[in-house]
Amino acid sequence: MSKHSNSAVQPTAETDPFLHAFRGRFTSALRWTDLDALWTRLRADAKGGWYLYAIGEPPPASQADAATVERFIDEIDALLRREHDERLCGIVYADDLRIPSLVKIYDPNNLGVVCGSSNHPPLPGWVMTKLPPVDLPATQLVPKGRRRWWQALFGGSNSSLSPN
């Protein structure tokens, strides 16, 4: 995971196209057949300039080649079907199911409230995007209670540091 200095300017949804798109509207591939249709569209666009981002790892600096995109789709589909043994899928979201350019794939083992009804929904496990991604964990808002704790602990001078 990347480390950020206190003087580094953190990207915001107002300044970064990826964050703006990431925080936009998404539609769930609710049924497994919806997910199959999404995978078909993504495979057809495998050469479309996709970044494959596993949250918690450094964001990729370059786009994946078509073979890597197709292998990723195969592997993530197998993982979802194995570990999310539910009647409905509902944990893959796209900005547009017909012409996707950003896809959020939630980890079946870390779902929380992914539908957006929470003030602090969990990050997805993986993102497929045509925009160069930024380090998502570094952009998360720290809850006010946690920020007050951190400021009290360090006198406010290091409030942007992470205890990790």
C-alpha atoms as a PDB file:
ATOM      1  CA  MET A   1       0.000   0.000   0.000  1.00  0.00           C
ATOM      2  CA  SER A   2       1.341   3.422  -0.835  1.00  0.00           C
ATOM      3  CA  LYS A   3       2.312   5.926   1.823  1.00  0.00           C
ATOM      4  CA  HIS A   4       1.442   9.588   1.594  1.00  0.00           C
ATOM      5  CA  SER A   5       3.259  12.530   3.120  1.00  0.00           C
ATOM      6  CA  ASN A   6       1.437  15.260   5.001  1.00  0.00           C
ATOM      7  CA  SER A   7       2.125  17.704   2.196  1.00  0.00           C
ATOM      8  CA  ALA A   8       0.750  15.486  -0.572  1.00  0.00           C
ATOM      9  CA  VAL A   9      -2.426  16.788  -2.152  1.00  0.00           C
ATOM     10  CA  GLN A  10      -5.036  14.064  -1.938  1.00  0.00           C
ATOM     11  CA  PRO A  11      -7.241  13.656  -5.006  1.00  0.00           C
ATOM     12  CA  THR A  12     -10.910  14.485  -4.573  1.00  0.00           C
ATOM     13  CA  ALA A  13     -14.015  13.752  -6.625  1.00  0.00           C
ATOM     14  CA  GLU A  14     -13.858  17.397  -7.732  1.00  0.00           C
ATOM     15  CA  THR A  15     -10.253  17.148  -8.980  1.00  0.00           C
ATOM     16  CA  ASP A  16      -9.858  13.549 -10.123  1.00  0.00           C
ATOM     17  CA  PRO A  17     -11.879  12.053 -13.013  1.00  0.00           C
ATOM     18  CA  PHE A  18     -11.559   8.519 -11.617  1.00  0.00           C
ATOM     19  CA  LEU A  19     -12.897   9.503  -8.177  1.00  0.00           C
ATOM     20  CA  HIS A  20     -15.703  11.499  -9.758  1.00  0.00           C
ATOM     21  CA  ALA A  21     -16.730   8.456 -11.806  1.00  0.00           C
ATOM     22  CA  PHE A  22     -16.174   6.052  -8.879  1.00  0.00           C
ATOM     23  CA  ARG A  23     -18.584   8.037  -6.702  1.00  0.00           C
ATOM     24  CA  GLY A  24     -21.194   8.311  -9.456  1.00  0.00           C
ATOM     25  CA  ARG A  25     -24.281   6.214 -10.169  1.00  0.00           C
ATOM     26  CA  PHE A  26     -23.975   2.468 -10.597  1.00  0.00           C
ATOM     27  CA  THR A  27     -26.346  -0.331 -11.500  1.00  0.00           C
ATOM     28  CA  SER A  28     -26.097  -3.810 -10.053  1.00  0.00           C
ATOM     29  CA  ALA A  29     -25.777  -6.944 -12.130  1.00  0.00           C
ATOM     30  CA  LEU A  30     -28.505  -8.314  -9.887  1.00  0.00           C
ATOM     31  CA  ARG A  31     -29.102 -11.686 -11.468  1.00  0.00           C
ATOM     32  CA  TRP A  32     -26.400 -14.131 -12.467  1.00  0.00           C
ATOM     33  CA  THR A  33     -27.653 -13.818 -16.067  1.00  0.00           C
ATOM     34  CA  ASP A  34     -27.077 -10.033 -15.789  1.00  0.00           C
ATOM     35  CA  LEU A  35     -23.508 -10.746 -14.709  1.00  0.00           C
ATOM     36  CA  ASP A  36     -23.053 -13.157 -17.632  1.00  0.00           C
ATOM     37  CA  ALA A  37     -24.218 -10.419 -20.022  1.00  0.00           C
ATOM     38  CA  LEU A  38     -21.840  -7.899 -18.414  1.00  0.00           C
ATOM     39  CA  TRP A  39     -18.908 -10.321 -18.716  1.00  0.00           C
ATOM     40  CA  THR A  40     -19.788 -10.848 -22.403  1.00  0.00           C
ATOM     41  CA  ARG A  41     -19.676  -7.097 -23.009  1.00  0.00           C
ATOM     42  CA  LEU A  42     -16.406  -6.732 -21.112  1.00  0.00           C
ATOM     43  CA  ARG A  43     -14.795  -9.627 -23.003  1.00  0.00           C
ATOM     44  CA  ALA A  44     -15.862  -8.025 -26.301  1.00  0.00           C
ATOM     45  CA  ASP A  45     -14.095  -4.850 -25.120  1.00  0.00           C
ATOM     46  CA  ALA A  46     -11.035  -6.577 -23.619  1.00  0.00           C
ATOM     47  CA  LYS A  47      -8.759  -4.439 -25.809  1.00  0.00           C
ATOM     48  CA  GLY A  48     -10.559  -1.277 -24.637  1.00  0.00           C
ATOM     49  CA  GLY A  49      -7.853  -0.020 -22.286  1.00  0.00           C
ATOM     50  CA  TRP A  50      -8.868  -1.458 -18.927  1.00  0.00           C
ATOM     51  CA  TYR A  51      -7.046  -0.929 -15.653  1.00  0.00           C
ATOM     52  CA  LEU A  52      -7.505  -3.869 -13.254  1.00  0.00           C
ATOM     53  CA  TYR A  53      -7.237  -2.668  -9.673  1.00  0.00           C
ATOM     54  CA  ALA A  54      -7.239  -4.875  -6.574  1.00  0.00           C
ATOM     55  CA  ILE A  55      -8.085  -2.552  -3.698  1.00  0.00           C
ATOM     56  CA  GLY A  56      -5.352  -2.611  -1.075  1.00  0.00           C
ATOM     57  CA  GLU A  57      -2.653  -3.040  -3.700  1.00  0.00           C
ATOM     58  CA  PRO A  58      -1.021  -0.046  -5.379  1.00  0.00           C
ATOM     59  CA  PRO A  59      -3.209   1.168  -8.255  1.00  0.00           C
ATOM     60  CA  PRO A  60      -1.969  -0.083 -11.624  1.00  0.00           C
ATOM     61  CA  ALA A  61       0.096   2.383 -13.625  1.00  0.00           C
ATOM     62  CA  SER A  62      -0.750   0.820 -16.980  1.00  0.00           C
ATOM     63  CA  GLN A  63      -3.670  -0.764 -18.746  1.00  0.00           C
ATOM     64  CA  ALA A  64      -3.971  -4.528 -18.915  1.00  0.00           C
ATOM     65  CA  ASP A  65      -3.685  -6.324 -22.238  1.00  0.00           C
ATOM     66  CA  ALA A  66      -6.709  -8.166 -23.634  1.00  0.00           C
ATOM     67  CA  ALA A  67      -5.510 -11.605 -22.488  1.00  0.00           C
ATOM     68  CA  THR A  68      -5.088 -10.345 -18.925  1.00  0.00           C
ATOM     69  CA  VAL A  69      -8.561  -8.764 -18.938  1.00  0.00           C
ATOM     70  CA  GLU A  70     -10.114 -12.004 -20.174  1.00  0.00           C
ATOM     71  CA  ARG A  71      -8.181 -14.098 -17.622  1.00  0.00           C
ATOM     72  CA  PHE A  72      -9.245 -11.690 -14.842  1.00  0.00           C
ATOM     73  CA  ILE A  73     -12.919 -11.990 -15.865  1.00  0.00           C
ATOM     74  CA  ASP A  74     -12.652 -15.802 -15.888  1.00  0.00           C
ATOM     75  CA  GLU A  75     -10.969 -15.910 -12.477  1.00  0.00           C
ATOM     76  CA  ILE A  76     -13.200 -13.331 -10.760  1.00  0.00           C
ATOM     77  CA  ASP A  77     -16.326 -15.004 -12.155  1.00  0.00           C
ATOM     78  CA  ALA A  78     -15.184 -18.359 -10.762  1.00  0.00           C
ATOM     79  CA  LEU A  79     -14.396 -16.760  -7.385  1.00  0.00           C
ATOM     80  CA  LEU A  80     -17.801 -15.030  -7.187  1.00  0.00           C
ATOM     81  CA  ARG A  81     -19.725 -18.169  -8.097  1.00  0.00           C
ATOM     82  CA  ARG A  82     -17.733 -20.254  -5.613  1.00  0.00           C
ATOM     83  CA  GLU A  83     -17.768 -17.816  -2.671  1.00  0.00           C
ATOM     84  CA  HIS A  84     -21.096 -15.998  -3.220  1.00  0.00           C
ATOM     85  CA  ASP A  85     -23.378 -19.004  -3.370  1.00  0.00           C
ATOM     86  CA  GLU A  86     -26.594 -17.003  -3.448  1.00  0.00           C
ATOM     87  CA  ARG A  87     -29.698 -17.023  -5.640  1.00  0.00           C
ATOM     88  CA  LEU A  88     -28.857 -13.508  -6.854  1.00  0.00           C
ATOM     89  CA  CYS A  89     -25.474 -12.003  -7.654  1.00  0.00           C
ATOM     90  CA  GLY A  90     -25.970  -8.330  -6.738  1.00  0.00           C
ATOM     91  CA  ILE A  91     -22.340  -7.620  -5.799  1.00  0.00           C
ATOM     92  CA  VAL A  92     -21.051  -6.413  -9.170  1.00  0.00           C
ATOM     93  CA  TYR A  93     -21.938  -2.874 -10.211  1.00  0.00           C
ATOM     94  CA  ALA A  94     -21.269  -1.003 -13.455  1.00  0.00           C
ATOM     95  CA  ASP A  95     -21.624   2.636 -14.367  1.00  0.00           C
ATOM     96  CA  ASP A  96     -23.532   1.379 -17.433  1.00  0.00           C
ATOM     97  CA  LEU A  97     -24.410  -2.292 -17.840  1.00  0.00           C
ATOM     98  CA  ARG A  98     -24.631  -1.934 -21.642  1.00  0.00           C
ATOM     99  CA  ILE A  99     -21.494   0.163 -22.238  1.00  0.00           C
ATOM    100  CA  PRO A 100     -19.429  -0.161 -19.056  1.00  0.00           C
ATOM    101  CA  SER A 101     -16.373   1.967 -18.389  1.00  0.00           C
ATOM    102  CA  LEU A 102     -16.110   1.408 -14.620  1.00  0.00           C
ATOM    103  CA  VAL A 103     -17.050  -1.792 -12.795  1.00  0.00           C
ATOM    104  CA  LYS A 104     -16.997  -2.355  -9.031  1.00  0.00           C
ATOM    105  CA  ILE A 105     -16.718  -5.952  -7.858  1.00  0.00           C
ATOM    106  CA  TYR A 106     -17.347  -6.508  -4.164  1.00  0.00           C
ATOM    107  CA  ASP A 107     -15.567  -9.211  -2.227  1.00  0.00           C
ATOM    108  CA  PRO A 108     -18.098 -11.835  -1.094  1.00  0.00           C
ATOM    109  CA  ASN A 109     -16.211 -12.042   2.222  1.00  0.00           C
ATOM    110  CA  ASN A 110     -16.391  -8.271   2.908  1.00  0.00           C
ATOM    111  CA  LEU A 111     -19.815  -7.079   1.853  1.00  0.00           C
ATOM    112  CA  GLY A 112     -21.055  -4.779   4.590  1.00  0.00           C
ATOM    113  CA  VAL A 113     -23.698  -2.534   3.005  1.00  0.00           C
ATOM    114  CA  VAL A 114     -22.674  -2.280  -0.649  1.00  0.00           C
ATOM    115  CA  CYS A 115     -25.916  -0.776  -1.935  1.00  0.00           C
ATOM    116  CA  GLY A 116     -24.913   2.748  -0.967  1.00  0.00           C
ATOM    117  CA  SER A 117     -27.451   3.228   1.807  1.00  0.00           C
ATOM    118  CA  SER A 118     -24.637   3.481   4.322  1.00  0.00           C
ATOM    119  CA  ASN A 119     -22.715   6.701   4.951  1.00  0.00           C
ATOM    120  CA  HIS A 120     -19.509   4.650   4.804  1.00  0.00           C
ATOM    121  CA  PRO A 121     -20.036   1.738   2.401  1.00  0.00           C
ATOM    122  CA  PRO A 122     -17.125  -0.678   2.103  1.00  0.00           C
ATOM    123  CA  LEU A 123     -14.756  -0.362  -0.804  1.00  0.00           C
ATOM    124  CA  PRO A 124     -15.099  -2.985  -3.500  1.00  0.00           C
ATOM    125  CA  GLY A 125     -12.516  -5.711  -3.673  1.00  0.00           C
ATOM    126  CA  TRP A 126     -11.696  -5.045  -7.322  1.00  0.00           C
ATOM    127  CA  VAL A 127     -12.292  -2.337  -9.897  1.00  0.00           C
ATOM    128  CA  MET A 128     -12.155  -2.484 -13.671  1.00  0.00           C
ATOM    129  CA  THR A 129     -11.851   1.022 -15.087  1.00  0.00           C
ATOM    130  CA  LYS A 130     -10.895   2.848 -18.249  1.00  0.00           C
ATOM    131  CA  LEU A 131      -9.704   5.813 -16.186  1.00  0.00           C
ATOM    132  CA  PRO A 132      -6.349   5.667 -14.401  1.00  0.00           C
ATOM    133  CA  PRO A 133      -7.264   4.761 -10.804  1.00  0.00           C
ATOM    134  CA  VAL A 134      -6.040   6.402  -7.617  1.00  0.00           C
ATOM    135  CA  ASP A 135      -5.276   4.782  -4.266  1.00  0.00           C
ATOM    136  CA  LEU A 136      -8.831   4.357  -2.956  1.00  0.00           C
ATOM    137  CA  PRO A 137      -8.041   3.501   0.677  1.00  0.00           C
ATOM    138  CA  ALA A 138      -6.077   6.774   0.913  1.00  0.00           C
ATOM    139  CA  THR A 139      -9.147   8.767  -0.192  1.00  0.00           C
ATOM    140  CA  GLN A 140     -11.556   7.430   2.415  1.00  0.00           C
ATOM    141  CA  LEU A 141     -12.942   9.912   4.864  1.00  0.00           C
ATOM    142  CA  VAL A 142     -11.976   9.213   8.424  1.00  0.00           C
ATOM    143  CA  PRO A 143     -15.071   9.205  10.684  1.00  0.00           C
ATOM    144  CA  LYS A 144     -15.175  12.319  12.917  1.00  0.00           C
ATOM    145  CA  GLY A 145     -14.931  10.271  16.108  1.00  0.00           C
ATOM    146  CA  ARG A 146     -11.804   8.525  14.815  1.00  0.00           C
ATOM    147  CA  ARG A 147     -10.335  11.855  13.652  1.00  0.00           C
ATOM    148  CA  ARG A 148     -10.939  13.409  17.110  1.00  0.00           C
ATOM    149  CA  TRP A 149      -9.274  10.392  18.733  1.00  0.00           C
ATOM    150  CA  TRP A 150      -6.277  10.731  16.420  1.00  0.00           C
ATOM    151  CA  GLN A 151      -6.000  14.494  16.991  1.00  0.00           C
ATOM    152  CA  ALA A 152      -6.213  14.033  20.751  1.00  0.00           C
ATOM    153  CA  LEU A 153      -3.544  11.357  20.598  1.00  0.00           C
ATOM    154  CA  PHE A 154      -1.125  13.388  18.471  1.00  0.00           C
ATOM    155  CA  GLY A 155      -2.188  16.964  19.205  1.00  0.00           C
ATOM    156  CA  GLY A 156      -3.613  17.470  15.708  1.00  0.00           C
ATOM    157  CA  SER A 157      -0.200  17.791  14.040  1.00  0.00           C
ATOM    158  CA  ASN A 158      -0.289  14.336  12.428  1.00  0.00           C
ATOM    159  CA  SER A 159      -4.026  13.918  11.865  1.00  0.00           C
ATOM    160  CA  SER A 160      -3.537  12.673   8.303  1.00  0.00           C
ATOM    161  CA  LEU A 161      -1.219   9.834   9.280  1.00  0.00           C
ATOM    162  CA  SER A 162      -2.473   6.288   9.406  1.00  0.00           C
ATOM    163  CA  PRO A 163      -1.795   4.114  12.450  1.00  0.00           C
ATOM    164  CA  ASN A 164      -0.960   1.182  10.121  1.00  0.00           C
END
